[in-house]
Amino acid sequence: MDKAAMIYQVVAAIPKGKVCSYGEVAKRAGLSGYARYVGHTLKNLPSDSRLPWHRVVNSQGKISFAQGSDGFTRQQQALLGEGVLVIDGKVNMRRFAWHI
């Protein structure tokens, strides 16, 4: 399985109402140290992808898009729609992080 497919598999498994950091996605995909690669891979998803990319945030729980950008707004709205509280572009990782 290629790296992108391994990342997609992990992202697809993130439950509704939970988030995961780029680094944690990489780790769970067996790609420790590839957090930036996860970001790059998700940034280049096809526009018709149904993968829940919006559930991936940075290690501080922040949305990585610039605040006010279209991507930021889309991600924030998608998270809020799933019951994930986003305050000033940040998610409380203690409360909303996906734990196995």
C-alpha atoms as a PDB file:
ATOM      1  CA  MET A   1       0.000   0.000   0.000  1.00  0.00           C
ATOM      2  CA  ASP A   2       1.401   3.430  -0.876  1.00  0.00           C
ATOM      3  CA  LYS A   3       1.824   6.237   1.680  1.00  0.00           C
ATOM      4  CA  ALA A   4      -1.193   8.219   0.507  1.00  0.00           C
ATOM      5  CA  ALA A   5      -3.463   5.180   0.772  1.00  0.00           C
ATOM      6  CA  MET A   6      -2.207   4.522   4.312  1.00  0.00           C
ATOM      7  CA  ILE A   7      -2.990   8.136   5.251  1.00  0.00           C
ATOM      8  CA  TYR A   8      -6.442   7.963   3.645  1.00  0.00           C
ATOM      9  CA  GLN A   9      -7.216   4.818   5.624  1.00  0.00           C
ATOM     10  CA  VAL A  10      -6.416   6.525   8.942  1.00  0.00           C
ATOM     11  CA  VAL A  11      -8.297   9.731   8.092  1.00  0.00           C
ATOM     12  CA  ALA A  12     -11.341   7.726   7.002  1.00  0.00           C
ATOM     13  CA  ALA A  13     -11.358   6.025  10.420  1.00  0.00           C
ATOM     14  CA  ILE A  14     -11.481   9.256  12.474  1.00  0.00           C
ATOM     15  CA  PRO A  15     -14.917   9.193  14.113  1.00  0.00           C
ATOM     16  CA  LYS A  16     -17.462  11.945  13.573  1.00  0.00           C
ATOM     17  CA  GLY A  17     -17.083  14.535  16.336  1.00  0.00           C
ATOM     18  CA  LYS A  18     -13.377  13.791  16.879  1.00  0.00           C
ATOM     19  CA  VAL A  19     -10.149  15.257  15.482  1.00  0.00           C
ATOM     20  CA  CYS A  20      -6.622  14.016  14.995  1.00  0.00           C
ATOM     21  CA  SER A  21      -3.352  15.886  14.460  1.00  0.00           C
ATOM     22  CA  TYR A  22      -1.288  15.566  11.290  1.00  0.00           C
ATOM     23  CA  GLY A  23       1.471  13.921  13.321  1.00  0.00           C
ATOM     24  CA  GLU A  24      -0.902  11.429  14.896  1.00  0.00           C
ATOM     25  CA  VAL A  25      -2.343  10.521  11.491  1.00  0.00           C
ATOM     26  CA  ALA A  26       1.207   9.907  10.250  1.00  0.00           C
ATOM     27  CA  LYS A  27       2.036   7.790  13.303  1.00  0.00           C
ATOM     28  CA  ARG A  28      -1.120   5.679  12.974  1.00  0.00           C
ATOM     29  CA  ALA A  29      -0.360   5.180   9.274  1.00  0.00           C
ATOM     30  CA  GLY A  30       3.079   3.814  10.196  1.00  0.00           C
ATOM     31  CA  LEU A  31       4.760   6.986   8.922  1.00  0.00           C
ATOM     32  CA  SER A  32       6.137   8.621  12.086  1.00  0.00           C
ATOM     33  CA  GLY A  33       7.774  11.932  11.280  1.00  0.00           C
ATOM     34  CA  TYR A  34       5.670  12.488   8.159  1.00  0.00           C
ATOM     35  CA  ALA A  35       3.216  15.071   9.552  1.00  0.00           C
ATOM     36  CA  ARG A  36       3.993  17.546   6.760  1.00  0.00           C
ATOM     37  CA  TYR A  37       3.501  14.814   4.191  1.00  0.00           C
ATOM     38  CA  VAL A  38       0.045  14.156   5.664  1.00  0.00           C
ATOM     39  CA  GLY A  39      -0.772  17.856   5.230  1.00  0.00           C
ATOM     40  CA  HIS A  40       0.512  17.837   1.659  1.00  0.00           C
ATOM     41  CA  THR A  41      -1.460  14.688   0.854  1.00  0.00           C
ATOM     42  CA  LEU A  42      -4.715  16.098   2.255  1.00  0.00           C
ATOM     43  CA  LYS A  43      -4.153  19.449   0.537  1.00  0.00           C
ATOM     44  CA  ASN A  44      -4.032  17.616  -2.785  1.00  0.00           C
ATOM     45  CA  LEU A  45      -7.202  15.558  -2.367  1.00  0.00           C
ATOM     46  CA  PRO A  46      -9.476  15.531  -5.400  1.00  0.00           C
ATOM     47  CA  SER A  47     -12.261  18.106  -5.043  1.00  0.00           C
ATOM     48  CA  ASP A  48     -14.888  15.349  -5.065  1.00  0.00           C
ATOM     49  CA  SER A  49     -13.234  13.385  -2.246  1.00  0.00           C
ATOM     50  CA  ARG A  50     -15.520  12.243   0.566  1.00  0.00           C
ATOM     51  CA  LEU A  51     -12.602  11.762   2.971  1.00  0.00           C
ATOM     52  CA  PRO A  52     -13.235  13.649   6.256  1.00  0.00           C
ATOM     53  CA  TRP A  53     -10.086  15.801   5.898  1.00  0.00           C
ATOM     54  CA  HIS A  54     -11.698  18.457   8.095  1.00  0.00           C
ATOM     55  CA  ARG A  55     -11.093  16.238  11.140  1.00  0.00           C
ATOM     56  CA  VAL A  56      -7.322  16.769  10.907  1.00  0.00           C
ATOM     57  CA  VAL A  57      -5.803  19.754  12.734  1.00  0.00           C
ATOM     58  CA  ASN A  58      -2.310  20.720  13.839  1.00  0.00           C
ATOM     59  CA  SER A  59      -0.729  19.467  17.064  1.00  0.00           C
ATOM     60  CA  GLN A  60      -2.027  22.470  19.025  1.00  0.00           C
ATOM     61  CA  GLY A  61      -5.565  21.745  17.839  1.00  0.00           C
ATOM     62  CA  LYS A  62      -5.564  24.679  15.423  1.00  0.00           C
ATOM     63  CA  ILE A  63      -7.009  24.777  11.950  1.00  0.00           C
ATOM     64  CA  SER A  64      -4.015  25.182   9.656  1.00  0.00           C
ATOM     65  CA  PHE A  65      -5.713  27.369   7.058  1.00  0.00           C
ATOM     66  CA  ALA A  66      -5.351  31.142   7.451  1.00  0.00           C
ATOM     67  CA  GLN A  67      -8.174  32.495   9.572  1.00  0.00           C
ATOM     68  CA  GLY A  68     -10.857  33.998   7.345  1.00  0.00           C
ATOM     69  CA  SER A  69      -9.858  31.964   4.280  1.00  0.00           C
ATOM     70  CA  ASP A  70     -12.336  29.766   2.424  1.00  0.00           C
ATOM     71  CA  GLY A  71     -10.566  26.612   3.642  1.00  0.00           C
ATOM     72  CA  PHE A  72     -10.647  27.821   7.247  1.00  0.00           C
ATOM     73  CA  THR A  73     -14.366  28.586   7.044  1.00  0.00           C
ATOM     74  CA  ARG A  74     -15.184  25.241   5.401  1.00  0.00           C
ATOM     75  CA  GLN A  75     -13.206  23.285   7.974  1.00  0.00           C
ATOM     76  CA  GLN A  76     -14.613  25.208  10.926  1.00  0.00           C
ATOM     77  CA  GLN A  77     -18.197  24.804   9.694  1.00  0.00           C
ATOM     78  CA  ALA A  78     -17.714  21.074   9.072  1.00  0.00           C
ATOM     79  CA  LEU A  79     -16.309  20.573  12.577  1.00  0.00           C
ATOM     80  CA  LEU A  80     -19.049  22.641  14.201  1.00  0.00           C
ATOM     81  CA  GLY A  81     -21.608  20.616  12.259  1.00  0.00           C
ATOM     82  CA  GLU A  82     -20.254  17.476  13.931  1.00  0.00           C
ATOM     83  CA  GLY A  83     -20.405  19.001  17.408  1.00  0.00           C
ATOM     84  CA  VAL A  84     -16.708  19.868  17.655  1.00  0.00           C
ATOM     85  CA  LEU A  85     -16.348  23.214  19.411  1.00  0.00           C
ATOM     86  CA  VAL A  86     -13.961  25.564  17.579  1.00  0.00           C
ATOM     87  CA  ILE A  87     -12.950  28.754  19.399  1.00  0.00           C
ATOM     88  CA  ASP A  88     -10.692  31.235  17.574  1.00  0.00           C
ATOM     89  CA  GLY A  89      -9.740  28.506  15.112  1.00  0.00           C
ATOM     90  CA  LYS A  90      -8.748  26.065  17.842  1.00  0.00           C
ATOM     91  CA  VAL A  91     -10.156  22.756  19.077  1.00  0.00           C
ATOM     92  CA  ASN A  92      -9.692  21.525  22.651  1.00  0.00           C
ATOM     93  CA  MET A  93      -7.603  18.408  22.015  1.00  0.00           C
ATOM     94  CA  ARG A  94      -8.231  17.013  25.514  1.00  0.00           C
ATOM     95  CA  ARG A  95     -11.943  16.945  24.768  1.00  0.00           C
ATOM     96  CA  PHE A  96     -12.103  16.204  21.038  1.00  0.00           C
ATOM     97  CA  ALA A  97      -8.956  14.241  20.143  1.00  0.00           C
ATOM     98  CA  TRP A  98      -9.527  10.752  18.792  1.00  0.00           C
ATOM     99  CA  HIS A  99      -8.195   8.190  21.245  1.00  0.00           C
ATOM    100  CA  ILE A 100      -8.101   4.496  20.509  1.00  0.00           C
END
